[in-house]
């Protein structure tokens, strides 16, 4: 498997191999490789939410297992900012994004942080749509969405990985 992977990297000009010496990185891959397809429809938004449900569910579980005091403070601060938006009647999309990014950082896994960052524009589109739609819903429904965030934080705080994963997955799909 490793030989095959190195062969492909050599073909792409990213790695050079020297007999008896080893393989060396020639150049970094283009960042375009890491970009996700643009959101062009509501179906794309739905697919992004489906993808996020699995990814962020795992992130919440890891955050529950791995958080340190500064991570938990950051998550709780983001939750408080979301709560303030509710009280002020603000949309809160930026605060919601901040919450999800804080959970990703609490995983202590740079891949979760990188994917969250790579998906930032896609997540923003989805959050703006859902948050605008939620303004047309009852105050009880708006409160229910916030309570989903509260449930995620509570599970993370008590280090309950399974509950954190399920709460996050349910939240993203809702």
N, C-alpha and C. Protein backbone atom coordinates (compact mmCIF):
# COMPACT_ATOMS: atom_id res chain seq x y z
N UNK A 1 0.83 -1.19 0.00
CA UNK A 1 0.00 0.00 0.00
C UNK A 1 0.88 1.25 0.00
N UNK A 2 1.91 1.24 0.81
CA UNK A 2 2.81 2.40 0.89
C UNK A 2 3.54 2.60 -0.44
N UNK A 3 4.03 1.50 -1.04
CA UNK A 3 4.72 1.61 -2.33
C UNK A 3 3.80 2.19 -3.40
N UNK A 4 2.55 1.73 -3.40
CA UNK A 4 1.58 2.23 -4.38
C UNK A 4 1.31 3.72 -4.16
N UNK A 5 1.16 4.12 -2.90
CA UNK A 5 0.92 5.53 -2.59
C UNK A 5 2.12 6.38 -3.01
N UNK A 6 3.32 5.91 -2.71
CA UNK A 6 4.52 6.66 -3.11
C UNK A 6 4.63 6.74 -4.63
N UNK A 7 4.27 5.65 -5.31
CA UNK A 7 4.29 5.66 -6.77
C UNK A 7 3.36 6.72 -7.33
N UNK A 8 2.18 6.83 -6.76
CA UNK A 8 1.23 7.86 -7.22
C UNK A 8 1.75 9.26 -6.93
N UNK A 9 2.35 9.43 -5.76
CA UNK A 9 2.91 10.74 -5.43
C UNK A 9 4.07 11.10 -6.36
N UNK A 10 4.87 10.08 -6.74
CA UNK A 10 5.95 10.32 -7.72
C UNK A 10 5.37 10.72 -9.06
N UNK A 11 4.31 10.02 -9.51
CA UNK A 11 3.67 10.35 -10.79
C UNK A 11 3.13 11.78 -10.80
N UNK A 12 2.64 12.23 -9.66
CA UNK A 12 2.10 13.59 -9.57
C UNK A 12 3.20 14.64 -9.36
N UNK A 13 4.45 14.19 -9.24
CA UNK A 13 5.55 15.12 -9.08
C UNK A 13 5.68 15.70 -7.68
N UNK A 14 5.03 15.07 -6.71
CA UNK A 14 5.08 15.59 -5.35
C UNK A 14 6.22 14.99 -4.54
N UNK A 15 6.68 13.80 -4.96
CA UNK A 15 7.73 13.09 -4.24
C UNK A 15 8.78 12.64 -5.23
N UNK A 16 10.02 12.65 -4.80
CA UNK A 16 11.12 12.09 -5.59
C UNK A 16 11.78 11.01 -4.73
N UNK A 17 12.08 9.88 -5.34
CA UNK A 17 12.71 8.78 -4.61
C UNK A 17 14.14 8.60 -5.10
N UNK A 18 15.04 8.34 -4.17
CA UNK A 18 16.44 8.09 -4.49
C UNK A 18 16.82 6.72 -3.95
N UNK A 19 17.29 5.85 -4.86
CA UNK A 19 17.66 4.49 -4.49
C UNK A 19 18.65 4.51 -3.33
N UNK A 20 18.31 3.75 -2.28
CA UNK A 20 19.20 3.64 -1.13
C UNK A 20 19.13 4.81 -0.16
N UNK A 21 18.40 5.87 -0.53
CA UNK A 21 18.35 7.05 0.32
C UNK A 21 16.96 7.28 0.89
N UNK A 22 15.92 7.04 0.09
CA UNK A 22 14.56 7.23 0.57
C UNK A 22 13.75 8.09 -0.36
N UNK A 23 12.59 8.52 0.11
CA UNK A 23 11.69 9.36 -0.67
C UNK A 23 11.61 10.72 -0.01
N UNK A 24 11.54 11.76 -0.84
CA UNK A 24 11.56 13.13 -0.35
C UNK A 24 10.44 13.94 -1.00
N UNK A 25 9.87 14.84 -0.21
CA UNK A 25 8.82 15.71 -0.72
C UNK A 25 9.47 16.73 -1.64
N UNK A 26 8.97 16.80 -2.86
CA UNK A 26 9.47 17.75 -3.84
C UNK A 26 8.73 19.07 -3.72
N UNK A 27 7.40 18.97 -3.58
CA UNK A 27 6.57 20.17 -3.43
C UNK A 27 5.27 19.81 -2.74
N UNK A 28 4.64 20.80 -2.15
CA UNK A 28 3.35 20.61 -1.50
C UNK A 28 2.27 20.44 -2.57
N UNK A 29 1.22 19.68 -2.28
CA UNK A 29 0.12 19.58 -3.25
C UNK A 29 -0.62 20.90 -3.34
N UNK A 30 -1.27 21.12 -4.46
CA UNK A 30 -2.07 22.33 -4.63
C UNK A 30 -3.20 22.34 -3.62
N UNK A 31 -3.49 23.51 -3.05
CA UNK A 31 -4.56 23.62 -2.07
C UNK A 31 -5.93 23.33 -2.69
N UNK A 32 -6.04 23.44 -3.99
CA UNK A 32 -7.31 23.15 -4.67
C UNK A 32 -7.77 21.73 -4.40
N UNK A 33 -6.82 20.83 -4.14
CA UNK A 33 -7.16 19.44 -3.85
C UNK A 33 -8.04 19.35 -2.61
N UNK A 34 -7.86 20.29 -1.68
CA UNK A 34 -8.58 20.24 -0.41
C UNK A 34 -9.92 20.97 -0.44
N UNK A 35 -10.23 21.65 -1.53
CA UNK A 35 -11.46 22.43 -1.60
C UNK A 35 -12.66 21.53 -1.93
N UNK A 36 -13.76 21.82 -1.27
CA UNK A 36 -14.99 21.10 -1.54
C UNK A 36 -15.73 21.80 -2.67
N UNK A 37 -16.57 21.06 -3.37
CA UNK A 37 -17.37 21.63 -4.45
C UNK A 37 -18.25 22.75 -3.89
N UNK A 38 -18.50 23.77 -4.70
CA UNK A 38 -19.32 24.90 -4.27
C UNK A 38 -20.76 24.47 -4.04
N UNK A 39 -21.42 25.19 -3.13
CA UNK A 39 -22.84 24.97 -2.89
C UNK A 39 -23.59 25.67 -4.02
N UNK A 40 -24.36 24.89 -4.78
CA UNK A 40 -25.09 25.46 -5.92
C UNK A 40 -26.60 25.27 -5.81
N UNK A 41 -27.04 24.50 -4.80
CA UNK A 41 -28.46 24.22 -4.70
C UNK A 41 -28.81 23.86 -3.26
N UNK A 42 -30.10 23.80 -2.98
CA UNK A 42 -30.53 23.35 -1.66
C UNK A 42 -30.15 21.89 -1.44
N UNK A 43 -30.11 21.12 -2.52
CA UNK A 43 -29.68 19.72 -2.40
C UNK A 43 -28.22 19.66 -1.92
N UNK A 44 -27.39 20.58 -2.40
CA UNK A 44 -26.00 20.63 -1.93
C UNK A 44 -25.93 20.98 -0.45
N UNK A 45 -26.78 21.90 -0.02
CA UNK A 45 -26.84 22.26 1.40
C UNK A 45 -27.22 21.03 2.21
N UNK A 46 -28.21 20.28 1.75
CA UNK A 46 -28.64 19.06 2.45
C UNK A 46 -27.50 18.04 2.51
N UNK A 47 -26.78 17.85 1.41
CA UNK A 47 -25.66 16.90 1.40
C UNK A 47 -24.57 17.34 2.37
N UNK A 48 -24.35 18.64 2.46
CA UNK A 48 -23.35 19.16 3.40
C UNK A 48 -23.78 18.86 4.84
N UNK A 49 -25.07 19.08 5.15
CA UNK A 49 -25.56 18.76 6.50
C UNK A 49 -25.39 17.27 6.79
N UNK A 50 -25.68 16.41 5.82
CA UNK A 50 -25.51 14.97 6.02
C UNK A 50 -24.05 14.63 6.32
N UNK A 51 -23.14 15.23 5.57
CA UNK A 51 -21.72 15.00 5.78
C UNK A 51 -21.30 15.50 7.16
N UNK A 52 -21.76 16.70 7.49
CA UNK A 52 -21.41 17.30 8.78
C UNK A 52 -21.94 16.48 9.95
N UNK A 53 -23.11 15.88 9.81
CA UNK A 53 -23.70 15.13 10.92
C UNK A 53 -22.74 14.04 11.40
N UNK A 54 -22.18 13.30 10.47
CA UNK A 54 -21.23 12.26 10.85
C UNK A 54 -19.93 12.83 11.37
N UNK A 55 -19.38 13.78 10.65
CA UNK A 55 -18.11 14.38 11.01
C UNK A 55 -18.18 15.08 12.36
N UNK A 56 -19.19 15.92 12.54
CA UNK A 56 -19.28 16.70 13.77
C UNK A 56 -19.76 15.86 14.94
N UNK A 57 -20.49 14.77 14.66
CA UNK A 57 -20.83 13.85 15.74
C UNK A 57 -19.57 13.23 16.33
N UNK A 58 -18.68 12.80 15.45
CA UNK A 58 -17.40 12.24 15.90
C UNK A 58 -16.58 13.31 16.62
N UNK A 59 -16.59 14.53 16.10
CA UNK A 59 -15.85 15.62 16.73
C UNK A 59 -16.37 15.87 18.15
N UNK A 60 -17.67 15.87 18.32
CA UNK A 60 -18.24 16.10 19.65
C UNK A 60 -17.82 14.99 20.61
N UNK A 61 -17.81 13.75 20.11
CA UNK A 61 -17.39 12.62 20.96
C UNK A 61 -15.92 12.79 21.38
N UNK A 62 -15.07 13.13 20.42
CA UNK A 62 -13.65 13.33 20.75
C UNK A 62 -13.47 14.52 21.68
N UNK A 63 -14.23 15.58 21.46
CA UNK A 63 -14.14 16.76 22.34
C UNK A 63 -14.51 16.37 23.76
N UNK A 64 -15.53 15.53 23.91
CA UNK A 64 -15.94 15.08 25.24
C UNK A 64 -14.81 14.30 25.93
N UNK A 65 -14.09 13.53 25.16
CA UNK A 65 -13.01 12.72 25.74
C UNK A 65 -11.75 13.53 26.00
N UNK A 66 -11.50 14.58 25.20
CA UNK A 66 -10.18 15.20 25.20
C UNK A 66 -10.11 16.64 25.69
N UNK A 67 -11.24 17.30 25.93
CA UNK A 67 -11.18 18.72 26.23
C UNK A 67 -10.29 19.02 27.44
N UNK A 68 -9.69 20.19 27.35
CA UNK A 68 -8.96 20.75 28.48
C UNK A 68 -9.72 22.00 28.90
N UNK A 69 -9.37 22.57 30.03
CA UNK A 69 -10.14 23.67 30.61
C UNK A 69 -10.35 24.82 29.61
N UNK A 70 -9.33 25.20 28.88
CA UNK A 70 -9.45 26.31 27.92
C UNK A 70 -10.42 25.96 26.80
N UNK A 71 -10.44 24.71 26.37
CA UNK A 71 -11.37 24.27 25.32
C UNK A 71 -12.81 24.39 25.80
N UNK A 72 -13.06 23.90 27.01
CA UNK A 72 -14.42 23.95 27.54
C UNK A 72 -14.88 25.40 27.71
N UNK A 73 -13.99 26.28 28.16
CA UNK A 73 -14.33 27.70 28.29
C UNK A 73 -14.71 28.29 26.93
N UNK A 74 -13.95 27.93 25.89
CA UNK A 74 -14.23 28.45 24.55
C UNK A 74 -15.60 27.96 24.05
N UNK A 75 -15.91 26.70 24.29
CA UNK A 75 -17.20 26.15 23.88
C UNK A 75 -18.33 26.85 24.65
N UNK A 76 -18.14 27.00 25.96
CA UNK A 76 -19.17 27.63 26.79
C UNK A 76 -19.33 29.11 26.45
N UNK A 77 -18.23 29.80 26.12
CA UNK A 77 -18.32 31.20 25.70
C UNK A 77 -19.12 31.32 24.40
N UNK A 78 -18.90 30.40 23.48
CA UNK A 78 -19.64 30.41 22.21
C UNK A 78 -21.13 30.15 22.47
N UNK A 79 -21.42 29.25 23.40
CA UNK A 79 -22.82 28.99 23.76
C UNK A 79 -23.47 30.23 24.36
N UNK A 80 -22.75 30.92 25.23
CA UNK A 80 -23.27 32.16 25.83
C UNK A 80 -23.52 33.22 24.76
N UNK A 81 -22.62 33.32 23.79
CA UNK A 81 -22.79 34.29 22.70
C UNK A 81 -24.04 33.95 21.89
N UNK A 82 -24.28 32.67 21.66
CA UNK A 82 -25.50 32.24 20.96
C UNK A 82 -26.74 32.62 21.77
N UNK A 83 -26.66 32.41 23.06
CA UNK A 83 -27.79 32.75 23.95
C UNK A 83 -28.06 34.25 23.90
N UNK A 84 -27.01 35.06 23.88
CA UNK A 84 -27.18 36.52 23.80
C UNK A 84 -27.86 36.92 22.49
N UNK A 85 -27.51 36.24 21.41
CA UNK A 85 -28.15 36.51 20.12
C UNK A 85 -29.65 36.23 20.19
N UNK A 86 -30.00 35.14 20.83
CA UNK A 86 -31.42 34.82 20.99
C UNK A 86 -32.14 35.94 21.74
N UNK A 87 -31.52 36.40 22.81
CA UNK A 87 -32.12 37.46 23.61
C UNK A 87 -32.25 38.77 22.87
N UNK A 88 -31.33 39.03 21.94
CA UNK A 88 -31.34 40.27 21.17
C UNK A 88 -32.09 40.16 19.85
N UNK A 89 -32.57 38.97 19.54
CA UNK A 89 -33.27 38.76 18.28
C UNK A 89 -32.35 38.77 17.07
N UNK A 90 -31.05 38.53 17.29
CA UNK A 90 -30.08 38.50 16.20
C UNK A 90 -30.03 37.12 15.57
N UNK A 91 -29.52 37.06 14.35
CA UNK A 91 -29.45 35.80 13.61
C UNK A 91 -28.51 34.80 14.28
N UNK A 92 -27.31 35.23 14.66
CA UNK A 92 -26.38 34.38 15.38
C UNK A 92 -25.60 33.38 14.55
N UNK A 93 -25.55 33.57 13.24
CA UNK A 93 -24.84 32.62 12.39
C UNK A 93 -23.35 32.59 12.70
N UNK A 94 -22.75 33.75 12.93
CA UNK A 94 -21.32 33.78 13.25
C UNK A 94 -21.04 33.10 14.59
N UNK A 95 -21.92 33.32 15.54
CA UNK A 95 -21.76 32.70 16.85
C UNK A 95 -21.95 31.19 16.77
N UNK A 96 -22.87 30.77 15.92
CA UNK A 96 -23.10 29.33 15.72
C UNK A 96 -21.86 28.69 15.09
N UNK A 97 -21.29 29.35 14.09
CA UNK A 97 -20.06 28.86 13.46
C UNK A 97 -18.95 28.76 14.50
N UNK A 98 -18.83 29.79 15.33
CA UNK A 98 -17.80 29.81 16.38
C UNK A 98 -17.98 28.62 17.33
N UNK A 99 -19.21 28.30 17.66
CA UNK A 99 -19.49 27.16 18.53
C UNK A 99 -18.97 25.86 17.91
N UNK A 100 -19.32 25.61 16.66
CA UNK A 100 -18.91 24.38 16.00
C UNK A 100 -17.40 24.31 15.81
N UNK A 101 -16.78 25.44 15.55
CA UNK A 101 -15.31 25.47 15.43
C UNK A 101 -14.65 25.19 16.77
N UNK A 102 -15.23 25.69 17.85
CA UNK A 102 -14.67 25.45 19.18
C UNK A 102 -14.74 23.96 19.52
N UNK A 103 -15.83 23.31 19.15
CA UNK A 103 -15.93 21.86 19.37
C UNK A 103 -14.85 21.14 18.57
N UNK A 104 -14.64 21.54 17.33
CA UNK A 104 -13.61 20.91 16.49
C UNK A 104 -12.23 21.08 17.13
N UNK A 105 -11.93 22.27 17.64
CA UNK A 105 -10.62 22.49 18.28
C UNK A 105 -10.46 21.63 19.54
N UNK A 106 -11.55 21.42 20.26
CA UNK A 106 -11.47 20.63 21.49
C UNK A 106 -11.17 19.16 21.22
N UNK A 107 -11.28 18.72 19.97
CA UNK A 107 -10.92 17.34 19.63
C UNK A 107 -9.42 17.13 19.78
N UNK A 108 -8.67 18.23 19.69
CA UNK A 108 -7.21 18.16 19.70
C UNK A 108 -6.70 17.37 18.49
N UNK A 109 -7.49 17.40 17.42
CA UNK A 109 -7.15 16.69 16.19
C UNK A 109 -7.15 17.72 15.05
N UNK A 110 -5.99 18.01 14.50
CA UNK A 110 -5.91 19.06 13.47
C UNK A 110 -6.72 18.74 12.21
N UNK A 111 -7.03 17.48 11.97
CA UNK A 111 -7.83 17.14 10.80
C UNK A 111 -9.27 17.64 10.97
N UNK A 112 -9.80 17.52 12.16
CA UNK A 112 -11.15 18.05 12.40
C UNK A 112 -11.17 19.56 12.22
N UNK A 113 -10.16 20.23 12.71
CA UNK A 113 -10.07 21.69 12.57
C UNK A 113 -9.93 22.07 11.10
N UNK A 114 -9.10 21.35 10.36
CA UNK A 114 -8.87 21.65 8.95
C UNK A 114 -10.13 21.43 8.11
N UNK A 115 -10.83 20.34 8.35
CA UNK A 115 -12.05 20.08 7.58
C UNK A 115 -13.11 21.12 7.92
N UNK A 116 -13.22 21.47 9.19
CA UNK A 116 -14.19 22.50 9.59
C UNK A 116 -13.86 23.81 8.88
N UNK A 117 -12.58 24.13 8.79
CA UNK A 117 -12.15 25.35 8.11
C UNK A 117 -12.41 25.26 6.60
N UNK A 118 -12.13 24.10 6.02
CA UNK A 118 -12.37 23.93 4.59
C UNK A 118 -13.84 24.03 4.23
N UNK A 119 -14.70 23.64 5.16
CA UNK A 119 -16.15 23.68 4.93
C UNK A 119 -16.78 25.00 5.36
N UNK A 120 -15.99 25.94 5.83
CA UNK A 120 -16.53 27.17 6.43
C UNK A 120 -17.55 27.88 5.56
N UNK A 121 -17.26 28.04 4.27
CA UNK A 121 -18.21 28.75 3.41
C UNK A 121 -19.48 27.94 3.20
N UNK A 122 -19.36 26.63 3.12
CA UNK A 122 -20.52 25.76 2.96
C UNK A 122 -21.39 25.79 4.22
N UNK A 123 -20.71 25.73 5.36
CA UNK A 123 -21.42 25.77 6.64
C UNK A 123 -22.14 27.11 6.79
N UNK A 124 -21.48 28.19 6.39
CA UNK A 124 -22.09 29.52 6.49
C UNK A 124 -23.38 29.60 5.67
N UNK A 125 -23.36 29.05 4.47
CA UNK A 125 -24.57 29.06 3.63
C UNK A 125 -25.69 28.31 4.34
N UNK A 126 -25.40 27.11 4.82
CA UNK A 126 -26.40 26.30 5.50
C UNK A 126 -26.93 26.97 6.76
N UNK A 127 -26.03 27.53 7.55
CA UNK A 127 -26.45 28.19 8.79
C UNK A 127 -27.30 29.42 8.50
N UNK A 128 -26.92 30.19 7.50
CA UNK A 128 -27.71 31.38 7.18
C UNK A 128 -29.11 31.00 6.73
N UNK A 129 -29.21 29.96 5.91
CA UNK A 129 -30.52 29.51 5.46
C UNK A 129 -31.36 29.03 6.63
N UNK A 130 -30.80 28.14 7.43
CA UNK A 130 -31.59 27.57 8.53
C UNK A 130 -31.90 28.60 9.60
N UNK A 131 -31.00 29.50 9.86
CA UNK A 131 -31.27 30.52 10.88
C UNK A 131 -32.31 31.52 10.38
N UNK A 132 -32.27 31.87 9.10
CA UNK A 132 -33.31 32.76 8.56
C UNK A 132 -34.67 32.06 8.59
N UNK A 133 -34.69 30.79 8.23
CA UNK A 133 -35.95 30.05 8.28
C UNK A 133 -36.48 29.93 9.70
N UNK A 134 -35.55 29.77 10.66
CA UNK A 134 -35.99 29.61 12.05
C UNK A 134 -36.65 30.88 12.58
N UNK A 135 -36.34 32.02 12.00
CA UNK A 135 -36.98 33.27 12.42
C UNK A 135 -38.47 33.26 12.12
N UNK A 136 -38.87 32.43 11.16
CA UNK A 136 -40.29 32.34 10.81
C UNK A 136 -41.00 31.30 11.68
N UNK A 137 -40.26 30.65 12.56
CA UNK A 137 -40.84 29.62 13.41
C UNK A 137 -41.22 30.22 14.77
N UNK A 138 -41.86 29.40 15.55
CA UNK A 138 -42.32 29.85 16.86
C UNK A 138 -41.13 30.05 17.80
N UNK A 139 -41.31 30.88 18.82
CA UNK A 139 -40.24 31.04 19.81
C UNK A 139 -39.85 29.71 20.46
N UNK A 140 -40.79 28.79 20.58
CA UNK A 140 -40.50 27.49 21.16
C UNK A 140 -39.52 26.69 20.28
N UNK A 141 -39.69 26.78 18.96
CA UNK A 141 -38.79 26.07 18.04
C UNK A 141 -37.40 26.70 18.09
N UNK A 142 -37.34 28.01 18.15
CA UNK A 142 -36.04 28.69 18.24
C UNK A 142 -35.34 28.27 19.53
N UNK A 143 -36.09 28.19 20.62
CA UNK A 143 -35.53 27.76 21.91
C UNK A 143 -35.06 26.31 21.82
N UNK A 144 -35.81 25.47 21.10
CA UNK A 144 -35.44 24.06 20.96
C UNK A 144 -34.08 23.91 20.27
N UNK A 145 -33.83 24.75 19.27
CA UNK A 145 -32.53 24.71 18.58
C UNK A 145 -31.42 25.08 19.55
N UNK A 146 -31.65 26.11 20.35
CA UNK A 146 -30.65 26.51 21.33
C UNK A 146 -30.45 25.40 22.37
N UNK A 147 -31.54 24.75 22.75
CA UNK A 147 -31.42 23.67 23.72
C UNK A 147 -30.60 22.50 23.17
N UNK A 148 -30.61 22.34 21.84
CA UNK A 148 -29.74 21.32 21.23
C UNK A 148 -28.28 21.65 21.50
N UNK A 149 -27.92 22.93 21.38
CA UNK A 149 -26.55 23.35 21.69
C UNK A 149 -26.24 23.09 23.17
N UNK A 150 -27.20 23.41 24.03
CA UNK A 150 -27.01 23.20 25.47
C UNK A 150 -26.76 21.72 25.76
N UNK A 151 -27.52 20.84 25.11
CA UNK A 151 -27.35 19.39 25.32
C UNK A 151 -25.97 18.92 24.86
N UNK A 152 -25.47 19.48 23.76
CA UNK A 152 -24.13 19.12 23.28
C UNK A 152 -23.09 19.51 24.32
N UNK A 153 -23.20 20.74 24.82
CA UNK A 153 -22.23 21.22 25.80
C UNK A 153 -22.30 20.40 27.09
N UNK A 154 -23.50 20.10 27.53
CA UNK A 154 -23.66 19.31 28.77
C UNK A 154 -22.99 17.95 28.63
N UNK A 155 -23.18 17.30 27.49
CA UNK A 155 -22.56 15.98 27.27
C UNK A 155 -21.04 16.09 27.19
N UNK A 156 -20.55 17.12 26.51
CA UNK A 156 -19.10 17.33 26.43
C UNK A 156 -18.54 17.58 27.83
N UNK A 157 -19.21 18.45 28.58
CA UNK A 157 -18.74 18.81 29.93
C UNK A 157 -18.63 17.57 30.83
N UNK A 158 -19.60 16.66 30.74
CA UNK A 158 -19.54 15.48 31.61
C UNK A 158 -18.76 14.32 30.98
N UNK A 159 -18.12 14.63 29.85
CA UNK A 159 -17.24 13.68 29.14
C UNK A 159 -17.99 12.43 28.68
N UNK A 160 -19.22 12.63 28.28
CA UNK A 160 -20.04 11.52 27.78
C UNK A 160 -19.97 11.54 26.25
N UNK A 161 -19.01 10.81 25.71
CA UNK A 161 -18.75 10.82 24.27
C UNK A 161 -19.95 10.38 23.45
N UNK A 162 -20.62 9.33 23.89
CA UNK A 162 -21.78 8.82 23.14
C UNK A 162 -22.91 9.83 23.08
N UNK A 163 -23.21 10.44 24.21
CA UNK A 163 -24.29 11.43 24.25
C UNK A 163 -23.91 12.68 23.46
N UNK A 164 -22.64 13.07 23.52
CA UNK A 164 -22.19 14.24 22.77
C UNK A 164 -22.32 13.99 21.27
N UNK A 165 -21.91 12.81 20.84
CA UNK A 165 -21.99 12.46 19.41
C UNK A 165 -23.44 12.48 18.94
N UNK A 166 -24.32 11.84 19.71
CA UNK A 166 -25.72 11.77 19.31
C UNK A 166 -26.39 13.15 19.34
N UNK A 167 -26.08 13.95 20.33
CA UNK A 167 -26.65 15.30 20.43
C UNK A 167 -26.20 16.16 19.25
N UNK A 168 -24.94 16.06 18.89
CA UNK A 168 -24.42 16.86 17.77
C UNK A 168 -25.02 16.36 16.46
N UNK A 169 -25.06 15.06 16.27
CA UNK A 169 -25.61 14.50 15.03
C UNK A 169 -27.07 14.92 14.87
N UNK A 170 -27.85 14.79 15.92
CA UNK A 170 -29.26 15.18 15.88
C UNK A 170 -29.41 16.67 15.58
N UNK A 171 -28.56 17.47 16.23
CA UNK A 171 -28.61 18.93 16.03
C UNK A 171 -28.35 19.30 14.57
N UNK A 172 -27.28 18.75 14.00
CA UNK A 172 -26.93 19.10 12.62
C UNK A 172 -28.03 18.64 11.67
N UNK A 173 -28.57 17.47 11.88
CA UNK A 173 -29.64 16.99 11.00
C UNK A 173 -30.94 17.76 11.19
N UNK A 174 -31.20 18.24 12.40
CA UNK A 174 -32.40 19.06 12.63
C UNK A 174 -32.30 20.39 11.93
